[in-house]
Protein backbone atom coordinates (compact mmCIF):
# COMPACT_ATOMS: atom_id res chain seq x y z
CA MET A 1 0.35 0.00 0.03
CA ARG A 2 1.10 3.23 -0.81
CA LEU A 3 -0.23 6.73 0.39
CA VAL A 4 0.29 9.53 -1.45
CA ARG A 5 -0.70 13.48 -2.27
CA TRP A 6 -2.88 14.15 -5.06
CA THR A 7 -3.51 17.21 -6.94
CA PRO A 8 -6.46 18.29 -8.11
CA ASP A 9 -5.95 16.76 -11.68
CA ASP A 10 -4.80 13.48 -10.02
CA LEU A 11 -8.38 13.38 -8.34
CA ILE A 12 -10.29 14.35 -11.57
CA ARG A 13 -8.13 11.90 -13.85
CA ARG A 14 -9.20 9.08 -11.03
CA VAL A 15 -12.88 10.34 -10.82
CA ASP A 16 -14.49 6.64 -11.55
CA ASP A 17 -12.54 5.04 -9.26
CA VAL A 18 -12.85 8.00 -6.40
CA LEU A 19 -16.50 7.36 -7.03
CA ALA A 20 -16.61 3.41 -6.63
CA VAL A 21 -14.32 3.86 -3.35
CA TYR A 22 -17.18 6.27 -2.12
CA SER A 23 -19.97 4.15 -3.14
CA ASP A 24 -18.77 0.85 -1.56
CA ALA A 25 -17.35 2.73 1.37
CA MET A 26 -21.05 4.81 1.80
CA GLY A 27 -22.94 1.73 0.68
CA TYR A 28 -24.79 3.48 -2.01
CA ARG A 29 -25.59 1.86 -5.54
CA PRO A 30 -23.15 3.31 -8.15
CA GLU A 31 -25.91 5.43 -10.17
CA ALA A 32 -26.98 7.15 -6.48
CA VAL A 33 -23.44 8.70 -6.48
CA ALA A 34 -22.99 10.21 -10.09
CA ALA A 35 -24.39 13.45 -8.90
CA ARG A 36 -21.37 13.50 -6.80
CA ARG A 37 -18.68 13.93 -10.00
CA GLY A 38 -20.27 17.47 -10.79
CA TYR A 39 -19.41 18.32 -7.04
CA LEU A 40 -15.92 16.99 -7.01
CA ALA A 41 -15.34 19.04 -10.48
CA THR A 42 -16.10 21.91 -8.25
CA HIS A 43 -14.38 21.12 -5.00
CA VAL A 44 -10.78 20.63 -6.57
CA ARG A 45 -11.16 24.56 -7.35
CA ARG A 46 -11.60 25.32 -3.89
CA PRO A 47 -8.91 27.75 -2.14
CA ASP A 48 -6.54 25.49 -0.44
CA PHE A 49 -7.85 21.99 -1.47
CA ARG A 50 -5.72 19.21 -0.39
CA ALA A 51 -6.18 15.64 -1.34
CA VAL A 52 -4.48 11.93 -0.50
CA ALA A 53 -4.96 8.36 -1.98
CA THR A 54 -4.38 4.70 -0.98
CA LEU A 55 -3.20 2.65 -3.41
CA ASP A 56 -2.38 -0.89 -3.85
CA SER A 57 0.85 -2.26 -5.42
CA SER A 58 -0.94 -2.46 -8.98
CA GLY A 59 -2.22 1.08 -8.36
CA GLU A 60 -6.05 -0.14 -7.63
CA LEU A 61 -7.31 3.03 -5.27
CA ILE A 62 -7.72 1.48 -1.69
CA GLY A 63 -9.20 5.10 -0.18
CA PHE A 64 -9.20 8.76 -0.74
CA GLY A 65 -9.44 12.02 1.29
CA TYR A 66 -9.63 15.35 0.49
CA GLY A 67 -10.76 18.74 2.02
CA TYR A 68 -10.10 22.35 1.29
CA ARG A 69 -10.76 25.96 3.39
CA SER A 70 -14.17 26.23 4.16
CA ALA A 71 -15.71 29.89 3.42
CA PRO A 72 -18.96 31.21 3.39
CA GLY A 73 -21.10 30.64 0.45
CA GLN A 74 -20.11 27.30 0.27
CA TRP A 75 -23.26 24.83 0.40
CA TRP A 76 -21.52 22.42 3.76
CA HIS A 77 -20.10 25.86 5.23
CA ASP A 78 -23.39 27.74 4.62
CA GLN A 79 -25.63 24.60 6.17
CA VAL A 80 -23.38 23.98 9.69
CA SER A 81 -22.89 27.95 10.23
CA ALA A 82 -26.50 28.53 10.42
CA ALA A 83 -26.67 25.37 12.90
CA ILE A 84 -23.76 26.43 15.03
CA PRO A 85 -24.49 28.84 17.68
CA ALA A 86 -23.87 32.55 16.80
CA ALA A 87 -21.10 32.66 19.75
CA GLU A 88 -19.05 29.36 18.61
CA ARG A 89 -19.47 30.62 14.73
CA GLY A 90 -16.36 32.61 14.59
CA PRO A 91 -13.67 30.26 17.00
CA TRP A 92 -14.96 26.96 14.51
CA LEU A 93 -15.31 28.70 11.17
CA ARG A 94 -13.37 31.68 10.60
CA ASP A 95 -10.10 29.68 9.48
CA CYS A 96 -11.07 26.04 8.93
CA PHE A 97 -10.30 23.49 7.04
CA GLU A 98 -12.99 21.38 5.90
CA VAL A 99 -12.76 17.81 5.66
CA VAL A 100 -14.65 16.82 2.85
CA GLU A 101 -14.15 13.14 2.36
CA LEU A 102 -12.51 10.20 4.24
CA HIS A 103 -13.06 6.73 2.56
CA VAL A 104 -11.43 3.63 2.38
CA ARG A 105 -13.17 0.09 0.76
CA PRO A 106 -14.68 -2.05 2.97
CA GLY A 107 -12.17 -4.68 2.44
CA GLY A 108 -9.46 -2.22 3.63
CA GLN A 109 -10.67 -1.29 6.73
CA GLY A 110 -9.58 -2.05 9.46
CA HIS A 111 -6.06 -1.67 8.96
CA GLY A 112 -5.20 1.53 9.98
CA LEU A 113 -5.59 3.44 6.29
CA GLY A 114 -7.97 5.50 7.59
CA ALA A 115 -6.38 7.08 10.26
CA ALA A 116 -2.64 7.66 8.05
CA GLN A 117 -5.09 9.41 5.50
CA LEU A 118 -6.69 11.74 8.09
CA ARG A 119 -3.37 12.06 9.60
CA ALA A 120 -1.72 12.74 6.36
CA LEU A 121 -4.32 15.22 5.00
CA LEU A 122 -4.40 17.24 8.75
CA ARG A 123 -1.02 17.64 8.06
CA LEU A 124 -1.19 19.51 4.76
CA ALA A 125 -4.13 21.36 6.16
CA SER A 126 -4.41 24.93 6.15
CA GLY A 127 -6.26 26.62 8.65
CA SER A 128 -6.38 26.96 12.73
CA THR A 129 -9.75 24.66 13.15
CA THR A 130 -10.90 21.55 11.53
CA LEU A 131 -14.27 20.48 10.71
CA LEU A 132 -16.17 17.80 9.38
CA SER A 133 -19.51 15.83 9.09
CA THR A 134 -20.58 12.01 9.37
CA PRO A 135 -23.35 10.32 9.84
CA GLU A 136 -24.80 9.86 13.96
CA ALA A 137 -23.83 6.58 14.93
CA ASP A 138 -23.35 3.85 17.57
CA GLU A 139 -19.53 5.46 18.81
CA GLN A 140 -18.56 2.41 20.17
CA ARG A 141 -19.32 0.38 17.01
CA SER A 142 -18.48 2.43 14.03
CA ARG A 143 -15.11 2.80 12.58
CA ALA A 144 -15.12 6.45 11.74
CA TRP A 145 -16.37 7.58 14.76
CA ARG A 146 -13.77 5.70 16.91
CA LEU A 147 -11.39 7.10 14.43
CA TYR A 148 -12.19 10.73 14.72
CA ARG A 149 -12.35 10.34 18.62
CA ARG A 150 -9.02 9.20 18.46
CA PHE A 151 -7.92 12.07 16.35
CA GLY A 152 -9.45 14.45 19.37
CA PHE A 153 -12.45 15.52 17.22
CA VAL A 154 -15.14 17.18 19.40
CA ASP A 155 -19.23 17.45 19.04
CA VAL A 156 -19.77 20.93 17.26
CA VAL A 157 -23.27 20.08 16.02
CA ARG A 158 -25.55 16.98 16.91
CA ASN A 159 -28.59 15.67 14.99
CA LEU A 160 -27.84 18.09 12.02
CA THR A 161 -30.19 17.27 9.13
CA PHE A 162 -29.02 18.51 5.63
CA PRO A 163 -31.55 19.24 3.45
CA GLY A 164 -32.16 16.38 0.53
CA ASP A 165 -30.48 13.51 3.12
CA VAL A 166 -33.03 11.79 5.85
CA ARG A 167 -30.23 10.78 7.81
CA ARG A 168 -28.90 12.78 10.71
CA PHE A 169 -25.35 13.77 10.73
CA ALA A 170 -22.99 14.86 13.49
CA VAL A 171 -20.50 18.19 13.00
CA LEU A 172 -17.08 17.15 14.91
CA GLY A 173 -14.07 19.73 15.06
CA ARG A 174 -11.06 19.98 16.65
CA ALA A 175 -7.85 22.61 16.35
CA LEU A 176 -5.13 22.53 14.39
CA PRO A 177 -2.26 21.26 14.01
CA LEU A 178 -2.35 17.83 15.46
CA GLU A 179 0.01 17.28 18.00
CA GLU A 180 3.19 15.47 18.32
CA GLU A 181 1.90 12.32 19.09
CA LEU A 182 -0.80 12.14 16.55
CA LEU A 183 1.52 13.31 13.76
CA ASN A 184 3.86 10.51 14.33
CA PRO A 185 2.39 7.65 16.64
CA PRO A 186 4.24 4.71 17.53
CA ARG A 187 4.56 1.74 15.33
CA ARG A 188 2.03 -1.24 15.92
CA SER A 189 3.62 -4.28 16.07
CA GLU A 190 2.02 -7.11 13.46
CA SER A 191 0.22 -8.68 16.95
CA GLN A 192 -1.60 -5.58 18.29
CA PRO A 193 -5.15 -5.36 17.02
CA GLY A 194 -6.12 -2.09 14.85
């Protein structure tokens, strides 16, 4: 496995693979993610766009993550801004890197790939805070929730419903940069569970 930094052109060149990973990781039918293609084309042009990808030895995409500077006028930013209490908006959103997507194919989950992608992405991130949204779930059973908590993400908004989606989401955030122990974690031995 190789973790690589991607440019906007890299992501667009591999957009079909990106959408397939997104579909697999989220459990969506491929045709249900077709609209994401247009969003991706817009997202790669956002300020401070950063992306990472995990590739297997043959170059197959196993996972990816990307984000950019969150700003007024962006759909997600405006939805989240409206949900955050007024006194907390500035501290969270004034200088924020939004983690837009972070996914690993189901067969690659549970091996530290998501953590490596998140670490690499946040190492590249600009901003003094970072925010992301994730579907509400049992924090003890959800790999995504355990990952975010391990990285120090805290609740910013809970049970938020975005227009066009019936699921409830949590918006989680943390300060940047990452602490040294998250930037350079001790290596796991082969016998340690992950």
